Amino acid sequence: MEKVFIKASKSTPEVNFDPEESRLVIKGESYPENSIKFYKPLIESLKQFSDQISTKFIVDIKLTYLNTSSIKTIINILDIIDNAYQHGKDIEINWYYESDNEILYETAAEFNSFFDVKINLISE
């Protein structure tokens, strides 16, 4: 399985998914013109990887802004991860937010109520 690396742009976050390291990092602002198209390579790789997780999978999300379309796509990503968690995979999700950004904190806290896998909310 190959890495997925997408360089950040003005409206898209950096995405760095390394299956060998069992790690995913998403950081930056997320308001792409088409979030489904933007995140498609990651979603396809995650679907394949979720059955193959053999060591602890660590997900670090460091988004400073995301639009409604991105929220829906992030929910899809978290749903894939949550399914793997429900099938016994060892998964840690860390959601970093700026201490003065209540919107992102509340978004992540709401995600925590949707899924079985715990999302660690970490103030920076």
Foldseek 3Di string as FASTA:
>chain_A
DDWDFDPDDPAAWTWTGDLVVLEIETAEHHDDPQLCVVCVVVLVVLLVSLVVQDDEHEYEYHYAYHDPNNLVVVLSVVVSNLVSVVVPHHYAAEYEYEPPPVPSVVSLVVSCVVGPHHYHYHYD
